[in-house]
Amino acid sequence: MATASVGYVNDLRRKFRRAGRLEGFRFIHVHAPCPPGWRFDASMTVDVARMAVETLAWILWEYDGRLRISELSKRAAINRRDLEEYFRIQGRFKTFSDSSLKRIALEIEEKYRILEHLESEHQ
């Protein structure tokens, strides 16, 4: 199992190739922004996808009996991009309040901490 993003094609391609070599069930959850539904200019699709990873709104990881957070997400955790910027460029979040954004930011941080804990347990 893994997560991937269209914003990081090399990572996505590597995960698809690896999955293709495995036997049995494989699942890759791919983040692919939708310009009309998310209400942003289509020319920003890759930027929006990358921002999701850089803000940790979309965390990249792999699991094959052992959980590993990808280096892209680990770097994002150290130099995290502003979540508000990611939300404000998308019209679908136009009505979100500052308190809603803060709550979501806290939830993202908690999710990342849980993944770090699970990763450390499997090393």
PDB file of N, CA and C in Angstrom:
ATOM      1  N   MET A   1       0.853  -1.164   0.000  1.00  0.00           N
ATOM      2  CA  MET A   1       0.000   0.000   0.000  1.00  0.00           C
ATOM      3  C   MET A   1       0.896   1.223   0.000  1.00  0.00           C
ATOM      4  N   ALA A   2       0.372   2.289  -0.597  1.00  0.00           N
ATOM      5  CA  ALA A   2       1.151   3.521  -0.629  1.00  0.00           C
ATOM      6  C   ALA A   2       0.239   4.689  -0.960  1.00  0.00           C
ATOM      7  N   THR A   3       0.751   5.874  -0.676  1.00  0.00           N
ATOM      8  CA  THR A   3       0.125   7.089  -1.176  1.00  0.00           C
ATOM      9  C   THR A   3       1.103   7.716  -2.161  1.00  0.00           C
ATOM     10  N   ALA A   4       0.556   8.463  -3.110  1.00  0.00           N
ATOM     11  CA  ALA A   4       1.374   9.112  -4.122  1.00  0.00           C
ATOM     12  C   ALA A   4       0.663  10.389  -4.562  1.00  0.00           C
ATOM     13  N   SER A   5       1.358  11.188  -5.344  1.00  0.00           N
ATOM     14  CA  SER A   5       0.796  12.451  -5.819  1.00  0.00           C
ATOM     15  C   SER A   5       1.229  12.694  -7.261  1.00  0.00           C
ATOM     16  N   VAL A   6       0.323  13.245  -8.063  1.00  0.00           N
ATOM     17  CA  VAL A   6       0.679  13.606  -9.438  1.00  0.00           C
ATOM     18  C   VAL A   6       1.678  14.759  -9.460  1.00  0.00           C
ATOM     19  N   GLY A   7       1.862  15.428  -8.340  1.00  0.00           N
ATOM     20  CA  GLY A   7       2.837  16.508  -8.246  1.00  0.00           C
ATOM     21  C   GLY A   7       4.271  16.013  -8.192  1.00  0.00           C
ATOM     22  N   TYR A   8       4.454  14.736  -7.861  1.00  0.00           N
ATOM     23  CA  TYR A   8       5.793  14.135  -7.767  1.00  0.00           C
ATOM     24  C   TYR A   8       5.804  12.871  -8.615  1.00  0.00           C
ATOM     25  N   VAL A   9       5.976  13.059  -9.909  1.00  0.00           N
ATOM     26  CA  VAL A   9       5.844  11.980 -10.878  1.00  0.00           C
ATOM     27  C   VAL A   9       6.887  10.880 -10.671  1.00  0.00           C
ATOM     28  N   ASN A  10       8.108  11.246 -10.308  1.00  0.00           N
ATOM     29  CA  ASN A  10       9.134  10.210 -10.104  1.00  0.00           C
ATOM     30  C   ASN A  10       8.755   9.279  -8.956  1.00  0.00           C
ATOM     31  N   ASP A  11       8.259   9.842  -7.871  1.00  0.00           N
ATOM     32  CA  ASP A  11       7.811   9.034  -6.737  1.00  0.00           C
ATOM     33  C   ASP A  11       6.624   8.165  -7.144  1.00  0.00           C
ATOM     34  N   LEU A  12       5.678   8.736  -7.857  1.00  0.00           N
ATOM     35  CA  LEU A  12       4.494   8.012  -8.336  1.00  0.00           C
ATOM     36  C   LEU A  12       4.912   6.853  -9.248  1.00  0.00           C
ATOM     37  N   ARG A  13       5.774   7.134 -10.186  1.00  0.00           N
ATOM     38  CA  ARG A  13       6.246   6.112 -11.135  1.00  0.00           C
ATOM     39  C   ARG A  13       6.967   4.980 -10.398  1.00  0.00           C
ATOM     40  N   ARG A  14       7.835   5.338  -9.435  1.00  0.00           N
ATOM     41  CA  ARG A  14       8.564   4.335  -8.672  1.00  0.00           C
ATOM     42  C   ARG A  14       7.601   3.417  -7.917  1.00  0.00           C
ATOM     43  N   LYS A  15       6.564   4.007  -7.325  1.00  0.00           N
ATOM     44  CA  LYS A  15       5.604   3.207  -6.563  1.00  0.00           C
ATOM     45  C   LYS A  15       4.783   2.296  -7.485  1.00  0.00           C
ATOM     46  N   PHE A  16       4.411   2.787  -8.658  1.00  0.00           N
ATOM     47  CA  PHE A  16       3.683   1.941  -9.606  1.00  0.00           C
ATOM     48  C   PHE A  16       4.567   0.781 -10.094  1.00  0.00           C
ATOM     49  N   ARG A  17       5.825   1.081 -10.391  1.00  0.00           N
ATOM     50  CA  ARG A  17       6.731   0.011 -10.852  1.00  0.00           C
ATOM     51  C   ARG A  17       6.915  -1.039  -9.768  1.00  0.00           C
ATOM     52  N   ARG A  18       7.123  -0.573  -8.555  1.00  0.00           N
ATOM     53  CA  ARG A  18       7.306  -1.517  -7.433  1.00  0.00           C
ATOM     54  C   ARG A  18       6.051  -2.377  -7.256  1.00  0.00           C
ATOM     55  N   ALA A  19       4.887  -1.753  -7.312  1.00  0.00           N
ATOM     56  CA  ALA A  19       3.630  -2.499  -7.162  1.00  0.00           C
ATOM     57  C   ALA A  19       3.475  -3.532  -8.273  1.00  0.00           C
ATOM     58  N   GLY A  20       3.933  -3.181  -9.455  1.00  0.00           N
ATOM     59  CA  GLY A  20       3.842  -4.105 -10.580  1.00  0.00           C
ATOM     60  C   GLY A  20       4.688  -5.352 -10.409  1.00  0.00           C
ATOM     61  N   ARG A  21       5.731  -5.268  -9.605  1.00  0.00           N
ATOM     62  CA  ARG A  21       6.604  -6.431  -9.365  1.00  0.00           C
ATOM     63  C   ARG A  21       6.110  -7.313  -8.228  1.00  0.00           C
ATOM     64  N   LEU A  22       5.135  -6.841  -7.478  1.00  0.00           N
ATOM     65  CA  LEU A  22       4.647  -7.589  -6.317  1.00  0.00           C
ATOM     66  C   LEU A  22       3.532  -8.551  -6.704  1.00  0.00           C
ATOM     67  N   GLU A  23       3.403  -9.598  -5.933  1.00  0.00           N
ATOM     68  CA  GLU A  23       2.303 -10.546  -6.083  1.00  0.00           C
ATOM     69  C   GLU A  23       1.195 -10.154  -5.115  1.00  0.00           C
ATOM     70  N   GLY A  24      -0.030 -10.459  -5.460  1.00  0.00           N
ATOM     71  CA  GLY A  24      -1.143 -10.227  -4.555  1.00  0.00           C
ATOM     72  C   GLY A  24      -1.688  -8.805  -4.623  1.00  0.00           C
ATOM     73  N   PHE A  25      -2.405  -8.469  -3.583  1.00  0.00           N
ATOM     74  CA  PHE A  25      -3.107  -7.192  -3.510  1.00  0.00           C
ATOM     75  C   PHE A  25      -2.126  -6.020  -3.451  1.00  0.00           C
ATOM     76  N   ARG A  26      -2.415  -4.985  -4.242  1.00  0.00           N
ATOM     77  CA  ARG A  26      -1.655  -3.747  -4.209  1.00  0.00           C
ATOM     78  C   ARG A  26      -2.642  -2.595  -4.241  1.00  0.00           C
ATOM     79  N   PHE A  27      -2.353  -1.543  -3.497  1.00  0.00           N
ATOM     80  CA  PHE A  27      -3.226  -0.372  -3.461  1.00  0.00           C
ATOM     81  C   PHE A  27      -2.370   0.885  -3.366  1.00  0.00           C
ATOM     82  N   ILE A  28      -2.563   1.810  -4.299  1.00  0.00           N
ATOM     83  CA  ILE A  28      -1.883   3.094  -4.260  1.00  0.00           C
ATOM     84  C   ILE A  28      -2.958   4.172  -4.329  1.00  0.00           C
ATOM     85  N   HIS A  29      -3.014   4.981  -3.296  1.00  0.00           N
ATOM     86  CA  HIS A  29      -3.985   6.082  -3.215  1.00  0.00           C
ATOM     87  C   HIS A  29      -3.287   7.325  -3.764  1.00  0.00           C
ATOM     88  N   VAL A  30      -3.744   7.780  -4.938  1.00  0.00           N
ATOM     89  CA  VAL A  30      -3.078   8.878  -5.643  1.00  0.00           C
ATOM     90  C   VAL A  30      -3.847  10.178  -5.468  1.00  0.00           C
ATOM     91  N   HIS A  31      -3.135  11.200  -5.054  1.00  0.00           N
ATOM     92  CA  HIS A  31      -3.692  12.548  -4.928  1.00  0.00           C
ATOM     93  C   HIS A  31      -3.600  13.219  -6.290  1.00  0.00           C
ATOM     94  N   ALA A  32      -4.757  13.588  -6.852  1.00  0.00           N
ATOM     95  CA  ALA A  32      -4.814  14.246  -8.156  1.00  0.00           C
ATOM     96  C   ALA A  32      -5.846  15.370  -8.071  1.00  0.00           C
ATOM     97  N   PRO A  33      -5.385  16.607  -7.916  1.00  0.00           N
ATOM     98  CA  PRO A  33      -6.306  17.736  -7.799  1.00  0.00           C
ATOM     99  C   PRO A  33      -7.231  17.865  -9.009  1.00  0.00           C
ATOM    100  N   CYS A  34      -8.449  18.345  -8.759  1.00  0.00           N
ATOM    101  CA  CYS A  34      -9.475  18.506  -9.789  1.00  0.00           C
ATOM    102  C   CYS A  34      -9.777  19.996  -9.958  1.00  0.00           C
ATOM    103  N   PRO A  35      -9.215  20.633 -10.987  1.00  0.00           N
ATOM    104  CA  PRO A  35      -9.416  22.076 -11.148  1.00  0.00           C
ATOM    105  C   PRO A  35     -10.873  22.544 -11.132  1.00  0.00           C
ATOM    106  N   PRO A  36     -11.790  21.917 -11.877  1.00  0.00           N
ATOM    107  CA  PRO A  36     -13.168  22.427 -11.833  1.00  0.00           C
ATOM    108  C   PRO A  36     -13.843  22.222 -10.474  1.00  0.00           C
ATOM    109  N   GLY A  37     -13.640  21.064  -9.887  1.00  0.00           N
ATOM    110  CA  GLY A  37     -14.278  20.764  -8.607  1.00  0.00           C
ATOM    111  C   GLY A  37     -13.669  21.525  -7.446  1.00  0.00           C
ATOM    112  N   TRP A  38     -12.362  21.726  -7.503  1.00  0.00           N
ATOM    113  CA  TRP A  38     -11.672  22.409  -6.409  1.00  0.00           C
ATOM    114  C   TRP A  38     -11.580  23.908  -6.653  1.00  0.00           C
ATOM    115  N   ARG A  39     -11.989  24.308  -7.833  1.00  0.00           N
ATOM    116  CA  ARG A  39     -12.061  25.720  -8.256  1.00  0.00           C
ATOM    117  C   ARG A  39     -10.717  26.446  -8.180  1.00  0.00           C
ATOM    118  N   PHE A  40      -9.827  26.001  -9.056  1.00  0.00           N
ATOM    119  CA  PHE A  40      -8.564  26.711  -9.272  1.00  0.00           C
ATOM    120  C   PHE A  40      -8.219  26.554 -10.746  1.00  0.00           C
ATOM    121  N   ASP A  41      -7.335  27.396 -11.259  1.00  0.00           N
ATOM    122  CA  ASP A  41      -6.945  27.364 -12.659  1.00  0.00           C
ATOM    123  C   ASP A  41      -6.187  26.068 -12.958  1.00  0.00           C
ATOM    124  N   ALA A  42      -6.559  25.422 -14.046  1.00  0.00           N
ATOM    125  CA  ALA A  42      -5.966  24.134 -14.410  1.00  0.00           C
ATOM    126  C   ALA A  42      -4.450  24.209 -14.566  1.00  0.00           C
ATOM    127  N   SER A  43      -3.930  25.367 -14.930  1.00  0.00           N
ATOM    128  CA  SER A  43      -2.477  25.506 -15.088  1.00  0.00           C
ATOM    129  C   SER A  43      -1.741  25.330 -13.761  1.00  0.00           C
ATOM    130  N   MET A  44      -2.456  25.346 -12.645  1.00  0.00           N
ATOM    131  CA  MET A  44      -1.852  25.216 -11.322  1.00  0.00           C
ATOM    132  C   MET A  44      -1.952  23.800 -10.750  1.00  0.00           C
ATOM    133  N   THR A  45      -2.401  22.835 -11.538  1.00  0.00           N
ATOM    134  CA  THR A  45      -2.649  21.485 -11.035  1.00  0.00           C
ATOM    135  C   THR A  45      -1.422  20.875 -10.354  1.00  0.00           C
ATOM    136  N   VAL A  46      -0.281  20.922 -11.003  1.00  0.00           N
ATOM    137  CA  VAL A  46       0.931  20.342 -10.414  1.00  0.00           C
ATOM    138  C   VAL A  46       1.325  21.122  -9.163  1.00  0.00           C
ATOM    139  N   ASP A  47       1.212  22.451  -9.222  1.00  0.00           N
ATOM    140  CA  ASP A  47       1.533  23.272  -8.050  1.00  0.00           C
ATOM    141  C   ASP A  47       0.633  22.935  -6.867  1.00  0.00           C
ATOM    142  N   VAL A  48      -0.655  22.778  -7.114  1.00  0.00           N
ATOM    143  CA  VAL A  48      -1.599  22.436  -6.048  1.00  0.00           C
ATOM    144  C   VAL A  48      -1.269  21.054  -5.480  1.00  0.00           C
ATOM    145  N   ALA A  49      -0.944  20.113  -6.358  1.00  0.00           N
ATOM    146  CA  ALA A  49      -0.579  18.765  -5.895  1.00  0.00           C
ATOM    147  C   ALA A  49       0.684  18.812  -5.036  1.00  0.00           C
ATOM    148  N   ARG A  50       1.668  19.583  -5.457  1.00  0.00           N
ATOM    149  CA  ARG A  50       2.899  19.691  -4.673  1.00  0.00           C
ATOM    150  C   ARG A  50       2.654  20.396  -3.341  1.00  0.00           C
ATOM    151  N   MET A  51       1.812  21.426  -3.362  1.00  0.00           N
ATOM    152  CA  MET A  51       1.504  22.135  -2.121  1.00  0.00           C
ATOM    153  C   MET A  51       0.839  21.211  -1.111  1.00  0.00           C
ATOM    154  N   ALA A  52       0.012  20.295  -1.582  1.00  0.00           N
ATOM    155  CA  ALA A  52      -0.642  19.350  -0.673  1.00  0.00           C
ATOM    156  C   ALA A  52       0.409  18.535   0.079  1.00  0.00           C
ATOM    157  N   VAL A  53       1.448  18.105  -0.628  1.00  0.00           N
ATOM    158  CA  VAL A  53       2.522  17.341   0.002  1.00  0.00           C
ATOM    159  C   VAL A  53       3.374  18.254   0.877  1.00  0.00           C
ATOM    160  N   GLU A  54       3.679  19.442   0.394  1.00  0.00           N
ATOM    161  CA  GLU A  54       4.566  20.360   1.122  1.00  0.00           C
ATOM    162  C   GLU A  54       3.935  20.934   2.384  1.00  0.00           C
ATOM    163  N   THR A  55       2.614  20.865   2.494  1.00  0.00           N
ATOM    164  CA  THR A  55       1.909  21.314   3.700  1.00  0.00           C
ATOM    165  C   THR A  55       1.531  20.145   4.597  1.00  0.00           C
ATOM    166  N   LEU A  56       1.820  18.940   4.139  1.00  0.00           N
ATOM    167  CA  LEU A  56       1.454  17.680   4.798  1.00  0.00           C
ATOM    168  C   LEU A  56      -0.049  17.419   4.769  1.00  0.00           C
ATOM    169  N   ALA A  57      -0.783  18.174   3.954  1.00  0.00           N
ATOM    170  CA  ALA A  57      -2.198  17.859   3.769  1.00  0.00           C
ATOM    171  C   ALA A  57      -2.327  16.498   3.077  1.00  0.00           C
ATOM    172  N   TRP A  58      -1.308  16.109   2.325  1.00  0.00           N
ATOM    173  CA  TRP A  58      -1.230  14.788   1.704  1.00  0.00           C
ATOM    174  C   TRP A  58       0.138  14.214   2.040  1.00  0.00           C
ATOM    175  N   ILE A  59       0.176  13.238   2.908  1.00  0.00           N
ATOM    176  CA  ILE A  59       1.437  12.654   3.366  1.00  0.00           C
ATOM    177  C   ILE A  59       1.754  11.430   2.509  1.00  0.00           C
ATOM    178  N   LEU A  60       2.972  11.397   2.009  1.00  0.00           N
ATOM    179  CA  LEU A  60       3.413  10.277   1.186  1.00  0.00           C
ATOM    180  C   LEU A  60       4.058   9.214   2.071  1.00  0.00           C
ATOM    181  N   TRP A  61       3.621   7.968   1.918  1.00  0.00           N
ATOM    182  CA  TRP A  61       4.154   6.856   2.696  1.00  0.00           C
ATOM    183  C   TRP A  61       3.985   5.569   1.911  1.00  0.00           C
ATOM    184  N   GLU A  62       4.647   4.528   2.397  1.00  0.00           N
ATOM    185  CA  GLU A  62       4.528   3.188   1.824  1.00  0.00           C
ATOM    186  C   GLU A  62       4.418   2.186   2.963  1.00  0.00           C
ATOM    187  N   TYR A  63       3.708   1.104   2.704  1.00  0.00           N
ATOM    188  CA  TYR A  63       3.603   0.035   3.701  1.00  0.00           C
ATOM    189  C   TYR A  63       3.679  -1.305   2.991  1.00  0.00           C
ATOM    190  N   ASP A  64       4.634  -2.119   3.418  1.00  0.00           N
ATOM    191  CA  ASP A  64       4.776  -3.482   2.883  1.00  0.00           C
ATOM    192  C   ASP A  64       5.091  -4.437   4.030  1.00  0.00           C
ATOM    193  N   GLY A  65       4.391  -4.228   5.131  1.00  0.00           N
ATOM    194  CA  GLY A  65       4.696  -4.951   6.356  1.00  0.00           C
ATOM    195  C   GLY A  65       5.462  -4.052   7.305  1.00  0.00           C
ATOM    196  N   ARG A  66       5.985  -2.976   6.763  1.00  0.00           N
ATOM    197  CA  ARG A  66       6.714  -1.959   7.516  1.00  0.00           C
ATOM    198  C   ARG A  66       6.342  -0.598   6.936  1.00  0.00           C
ATOM    199  N   LEU A  67       5.946   0.322   7.778  1.00  0.00           N
ATOM    200  CA  LEU A  67       5.566   1.656   7.324  1.00  0.00           C
ATOM    201  C   LEU A  67       6.801   2.522   7.143  1.00  0.00           C
ATOM    202  N   ARG A  68       6.847   3.240   6.013  1.00  0.00           N
ATOM    203  CA  ARG A  68       7.921   4.199   5.754  1.00  0.00           C
ATOM    204  C   ARG A  68       7.307   5.492   5.219  1.00  0.00           C
ATOM    205  N   ILE A  69       7.573   6.587   5.894  1.00  0.00           N
ATOM    206  CA  ILE A  69       7.174   7.902   5.392  1.00  0.00           C
ATOM    207  C   ILE A  69       8.204   8.288   4.339  1.00  0.00           C
ATOM    208  N   SER A  70       7.745   8.796   3.193  1.00  0.00           N
ATOM    209  CA  SER A  70       8.687   9.131   2.125  1.00  0.00           C
ATOM    210  C   SER A  70       9.546  10.322   2.517  1.00  0.00           C
ATOM    211  N   GLU A  71      10.718  10.393   1.901  1.00  0.00           N
ATOM    212  CA  GLU A  71      11.636  11.506   2.159  1.00  0.00           C
ATOM    213  C   GLU A  71      10.999  12.841   1.798  1.00  0.00           C
ATOM    214  N   LEU A  72      10.151  12.864   0.774  1.00  0.00           N
ATOM    215  CA  LEU A  72       9.467  14.111   0.401  1.00  0.00           C
ATOM    216  C   LEU A  72       8.624  14.633   1.558  1.00  0.00           C
ATOM    217  N   SER A  73       7.901  13.755   2.212  1.00  0.00           N
ATOM    218  CA  SER A  73       7.069  14.178   3.342  1.00  0.00           C
ATOM    219  C   SER A  73       7.916  14.481   4.574  1.00  0.00           C
ATOM    220  N   LYS A  74       8.997  13.760   4.761  1.00  0.00           N
ATOM    221  CA  LYS A  74       9.880  14.063   5.898  1.00  0.00           C
ATOM    222  C   LYS A  74      10.496  15.450   5.748  1.00  0.00           C
ATOM    223  N   ARG A  75      10.910  15.785   4.518  1.00  0.00           N
ATOM    224  CA  ARG A  75      11.440  17.132   4.275  1.00  0.00           C
ATOM    225  C   ARG A  75      10.357  18.183   4.481  1.00  0.00           C
ATOM    226  N   ALA A  76       9.140  17.877   4.058  1.00  0.00           N
ATOM    227  CA  ALA A  76       8.028  18.816   4.231  1.00  0.00           C
ATOM    228  C   ALA A  76       7.742  19.053   5.712  1.00  0.00           C
ATOM    229  N   ALA A  77       7.899  18.023   6.519  1.00  0.00           N
ATOM    230  CA  ALA A  77       7.656  18.173   7.956  1.00  0.00           C
ATOM    231  C   ALA A  77       8.668  19.123   8.592  1.00  0.00           C
ATOM    232  N   ILE A  78       9.867  19.155   8.051  1.00  0.00           N
ATOM    233  CA  ILE A  78      10.914  20.039   8.572  1.00  0.00           C
ATOM    234  C   ILE A  78      10.718  21.477   8.073  1.00  0.00           C
ATOM    235  N   ASN A  79      10.418  21.607   6.794  1.00  0.00           N
ATOM    236  CA  ASN A  79      10.236  22.927   6.162  1.00  0.00           C
ATOM    237  C   ASN A  79       8.815  23.048   5.633  1.00  0.00           C
ATOM    238  N   ARG A  80       7.876  22.961   6.515  1.00  0.00           N
ATOM    239  CA  ARG A  80       6.467  22.894   6.135  1.00  0.00           C
ATOM    240  C   ARG A  80       5.970  24.198   5.526  1.00  0.00           C
ATOM    241  N   ARG A  81       5.331  24.068   4.384  1.00  0.00           N
ATOM    242  CA  ARG A  81       4.739  25.209   3.697  1.00  0.00           C
ATOM    243  C   ARG A  81       3.440  25.594   4.393  1.00  0.00           C
ATOM    244  N   ASP A  82       3.054  26.847   4.273  1.00  0.00           N
ATOM    245  CA  ASP A  82       1.879  27.379   4.955  1.00  0.00           C
ATOM    246  C   ASP A  82       0.589  26.738   4.430  1.00  0.00           C
ATOM    247  N   LEU A  83      -0.143  26.093   5.309  1.00  0.00           N
ATOM    248  CA  LEU A  83      -1.390  25.431   4.937  1.00  0.00           C
ATOM    249  C   LEU A  83      -2.417  26.428   4.422  1.00  0.00           C
ATOM    250  N   GLU A  84      -2.436  27.612   5.001  1.00  0.00           N
ATOM    251  CA  GLU A  84      -3.415  28.618   4.570  1.00  0.00           C
ATOM    252  C   GLU A  84      -3.243  28.954   3.090  1.00  0.00           C
ATOM    253  N   GLU A  85      -2.015  29.028   2.618  1.00  0.00           N
ATOM    254  CA  GLU A  85      -1.756  29.307   1.205  1.00  0.00           C
ATOM    255  C   GLU A  85      -2.390  28.223   0.325  1.00  0.00           C
ATOM    256  N   TYR A  86      -2.220  26.972   0.733  1.00  0.00           N
ATOM    257  CA  TYR A  86      -2.795  25.845  -0.009  1.00  0.00           C
ATOM    258  C   TYR A  86      -4.317  25.940  -0.061  1.00  0.00           C
ATOM    259  N   PHE A  87      -4.937  26.285   1.045  1.00  0.00           N
ATOM    260  CA  PHE A  87      -6.391  26.368   1.102  1.00  0.00           C
ATOM    261  C   PHE A  87      -6.921  27.574   0.333  1.00  0.00           C
ATOM    262  N   ARG A  88      -6.246  28.695   0.431  1.00  0.00           N
ATOM    263  CA  ARG A  88      -6.754  29.940  -0.172  1.00  0.00           C
ATOM    264  C   ARG A  88      -6.722  29.943  -1.693  1.00  0.00           C
ATOM    265  N   ILE A  89      -5.847  29.140  -2.313  1.00  0.00           N
ATOM    266  CA  ILE A  89      -5.820  29.130  -3.781  1.00  0.00           C
ATOM    267  C   ILE A  89      -6.935  28.264  -4.367  1.00  0.00           C
ATOM    268  N   GLN A  90      -7.654  27.559  -3.495  1.00  0.00           N
ATOM    269  CA  GLN A  90      -8.739  26.696  -3.954  1.00  0.00           C
ATOM    270  C   GLN A  90     -10.090  27.309  -3.567  1.00  0.00           C
ATOM    271  N   GLY A  91     -10.922  27.555  -4.552  1.00  0.00           N
ATOM    272  CA  GLY A  91     -12.225  28.147  -4.296  1.00  0.00           C
ATOM    273  C   GLY A  91     -13.117  27.306  -3.408  1.00  0.00           C
ATOM    274  N   ARG A  92     -12.892  26.012  -3.378  1.00  0.00           N
ATOM    275  CA  ARG A  92     -13.752  25.140  -2.565  1.00  0.00           C
ATOM    276  C   ARG A  92     -13.626  25.428  -1.072  1.00  0.00           C
ATOM    277  N   PHE A  93     -12.573  26.102  -0.661  1.00  0.00           N
ATOM    278  CA  PHE A  93     -12.371  26.431   0.755  1.00  0.00           C
ATOM    279  C   PHE A  93     -12.652  27.900   1.057  1.00  0.00           C
ATOM    280  N   LYS A  94     -13.287  28.580   0.147  1.00  0.00           N
ATOM    281  CA  LYS A  94     -13.509  30.022   0.276  1.00  0.00           C
ATOM    282  C   LYS A  94     -14.204  30.400   1.583  1.00  0.00           C
ATOM    283  N   THR A  95     -15.098  29.569   2.053  1.00  0.00           N
ATOM    284  CA  THR A  95     -15.879  29.906   3.248  1.00  0.00           C
ATOM    285  C   THR A  95     -15.238  29.412   4.544  1.00  0.00           C
ATOM    286  N   PHE A  96     -14.066  28.779   4.459  1.00  0.00           N
ATOM    287  CA  PHE A  96     -13.419  28.283   5.673  1.00  0.00           C
ATOM    288  C   PHE A  96     -12.930  29.446   6.533  1.00  0.00           C
ATOM    289  N   SER A  97     -13.205  29.362   7.810  1.00  0.00           N
ATOM    290  CA  SER A  97     -12.755  30.390   8.756  1.00  0.00           C
ATOM    291  C   SER A  97     -11.322  30.106   9.199  1.00  0.00           C
ATOM    292  N   ASP A  98     -10.703  31.099   9.806  1.00  0.00           N
ATOM    293  CA  ASP A  98      -9.356  30.908  10.351  1.00  0.00           C
ATOM    294  C   ASP A  98      -9.346  29.805  11.403  1.00  0.00           C
ATOM    295  N   SER A  99     -10.403  29.733  12.203  1.00  0.00           N
ATOM    296  CA  SER A  99     -10.455  28.690  13.234  1.00  0.00           C
ATOM    297  C   SER A  99     -10.566  27.302  12.604  1.00  0.00           C
ATOM    298  N   SER A 100     -11.282  27.189  11.485  1.00  0.00           N
ATOM    299  CA  SER A 100     -11.359  25.905  10.781  1.00  0.00           C
ATOM    300  C   SER A 100      -9.996  25.502  10.250  1.00  0.00           C
ATOM    301  N   LEU A 101      -9.264  26.463   9.687  1.00  0.00           N
ATOM    302  CA  LEU A 101      -7.926  26.174   9.172  1.00  0.00           C
ATOM    303  C   LEU A 101      -6.987  25.742  10.291  1.00  0.00           C
ATOM    304  N   LYS A 102      -7.082  26.393  11.442  1.00  0.00           N
ATOM    305  CA  LYS A 102      -6.233  26.022  12.575  1.00  0.00           C
ATOM    306  C   LYS A 102      -6.550  24.610  13.058  1.00  0.00           C
ATOM    307  N   ARG A 103      -7.840  24.277  13.098  1.00  0.00           N
ATOM    308  CA  ARG A 103      -8.245  22.932  13.523  1.00  0.00           C
ATOM    309  C   ARG A 103      -7.715  21.881  12.548  1.00  0.00           C
ATOM    310  N   ILE A 104      -7.818  22.164  11.258  1.00  0.00           N
ATOM    311  CA  ILE A 104      -7.322  21.226  10.248  1.00  0.00           C
ATOM    312  C   ILE A 104      -5.804  21.089  10.353  1.00  0.00           C
ATOM    313  N   ALA A 105      -5.115  22.205  10.583  1.00  0.00           N
ATOM    314  CA  ALA A 105      -3.653  22.156  10.743  1.00  0.00           C
ATOM    315  C   ALA A 105      -3.271  21.262  11.919  1.00  0.00           C
ATOM    316  N   LEU A 106      -3.999  21.361  13.014  1.00  0.00           N
ATOM    317  CA  LEU A 106      -3.727  20.518  14.178  1.00  0.00           C
ATOM    318  C   LEU A 106      -3.978  19.043  13.867  1.00  0.00           C
ATOM    319  N   GLU A 107      -5.051  18.765  13.118  1.00  0.00           N
ATOM    320  CA  GLU A 107      -5.360  17.390  12.732  1.00  0.00           C
ATOM    321  C   GLU A 107      -4.258  16.811  11.837  1.00  0.00           C
ATOM    322  N   ILE A 108      -3.740  17.637  10.923  1.00  0.00           N
ATOM    323  CA  ILE A 108      -2.658  17.194  10.042  1.00  0.00           C
ATOM    324  C   ILE A 108      -1.412  16.882  10.859  1.00  0.00           C
ATOM    325  N   GLU A 109      -1.082  17.756  11.802  1.00  0.00           N
ATOM    326  CA  GLU A 109       0.083  17.522  12.656  1.00  0.00           C
ATOM    327  C   GLU A 109      -0.068  16.229  13.452  1.00  0.00           C
ATOM    328  N   GLU A 110      -1.254  15.989  13.973  1.00  0.00           N
ATOM    329  CA  GLU A 110      -1.509  14.762  14.735  1.00  0.00           C
ATOM    330  C   GLU A 110      -1.382  13.536  13.840  1.00  0.00           C
ATOM    331  N   LYS A 111      -1.915  13.606  12.644  1.00  0.00           N
ATOM    332  CA  LYS A 111      -1.815  12.488  11.709  1.00  0.00           C
ATOM    333  C   LYS A 111      -0.351  12.186  11.389  1.00  0.00           C
ATOM    334  N   TYR A 112       0.440  13.229  11.185  1.00  0.00           N
ATOM    335  CA  TYR A 112       1.860  13.015  10.895  1.00  0.00           C
ATOM    336  C   TYR A 112       2.572  12.390  12.096  1.00  0.00           C
ATOM    337  N   ARG A 113       2.266  12.866  13.300  1.00  0.00           N
ATOM    338  CA  ARG A 113       2.879  12.291  14.513  1.00  0.00           C
ATOM    339  C   ARG A 113       2.534  10.808  14.657  1.00  0.00           C
ATOM    340  N   ILE A 114       1.299  10.458  14.349  1.00  0.00           N
ATOM    341  CA  ILE A 114       0.883   9.047  14.418  1.00  0.00           C
ATOM    342  C   ILE A 114       1.687   8.216  13.418  1.00  0.00           C
ATOM    343  N   LEU A 115       1.826   8.724  12.199  1.00  0.00           N
ATOM    344  CA  LEU A 115       2.602   7.995  11.188  1.00  0.00           C
ATOM    345  C   LEU A 115       4.066   7.863  11.611  1.00  0.00           C
ATOM    346  N   GLU A 116       4.635   8.925  12.185  1.00  0.00           N
ATOM    347  CA  GLU A 116       6.017   8.838  12.671  1.00  0.00           C
ATOM    348  C   GLU A 116       6.142   7.775  13.757  1.00  0.00           C
ATOM    349  N   HIS A 117       5.169   7.738  14.649  1.00  0.00           N
ATOM    350  CA  HIS A 117       5.190   6.742  15.720  1.00  0.00           C
ATOM    351  C   HIS A 117       5.115   5.331  15.128  1.00  0.00           C
ATOM    352  N   LEU A 118       4.211   5.120  14.196  1.00  0.00           N
ATOM    353  CA  LEU A 118       4.068   3.807  13.580  1.00  0.00           C
ATOM    354  C   LEU A 118       5.332   3.418  12.808  1.00  0.00           C
ATOM    355  N   GLU A 119       5.931   4.387  12.145  1.00  0.00           N
ATOM    356  CA  GLU A 119       7.166   4.114  11.428  1.00  0.00           C
ATOM    357  C   GLU A 119       8.272   3.692  12.392  1.00  0.00           C
ATOM    358  N   SER A 120       8.389   4.398  13.506  1.00  0.00           N
ATOM    359  CA  SER A 120       9.448   4.073  14.473  1.00  0.00           C
ATOM    360  C   SER A 120       9.222   2.705  15.122  1.00  0.00           C
ATOM    361  N   GLU A 121       7.984   2.297  15.263  1.00  0.00           N
ATOM    362  CA  GLU A 121       7.682   0.977  15.831  1.00  0.00           C
ATOM    363  C   GLU A 121       8.114  -0.152  14.903  1.00  0.00           C
ATOM    364  N   HIS A 122       8.167   0.113  13.614  1.00  0.00           N
ATOM    365  CA  HIS A 122       8.473  -0.929  12.625  1.00  0.00           C
ATOM    366  C   HIS A 122       9.920  -0.929  12.164  1.00  0.00           C
ATOM    367  N   GLN A 123      10.784  -0.228  12.851  1.00  0.00           N
ATOM    368  CA  GLN A 123      12.182  -0.197  12.407  1.00  0.00           C
ATOM    369  C   GLN A 123      13.020  -1.200  13.135  1.00  0.00           C
TER     370      GLN A 123
END
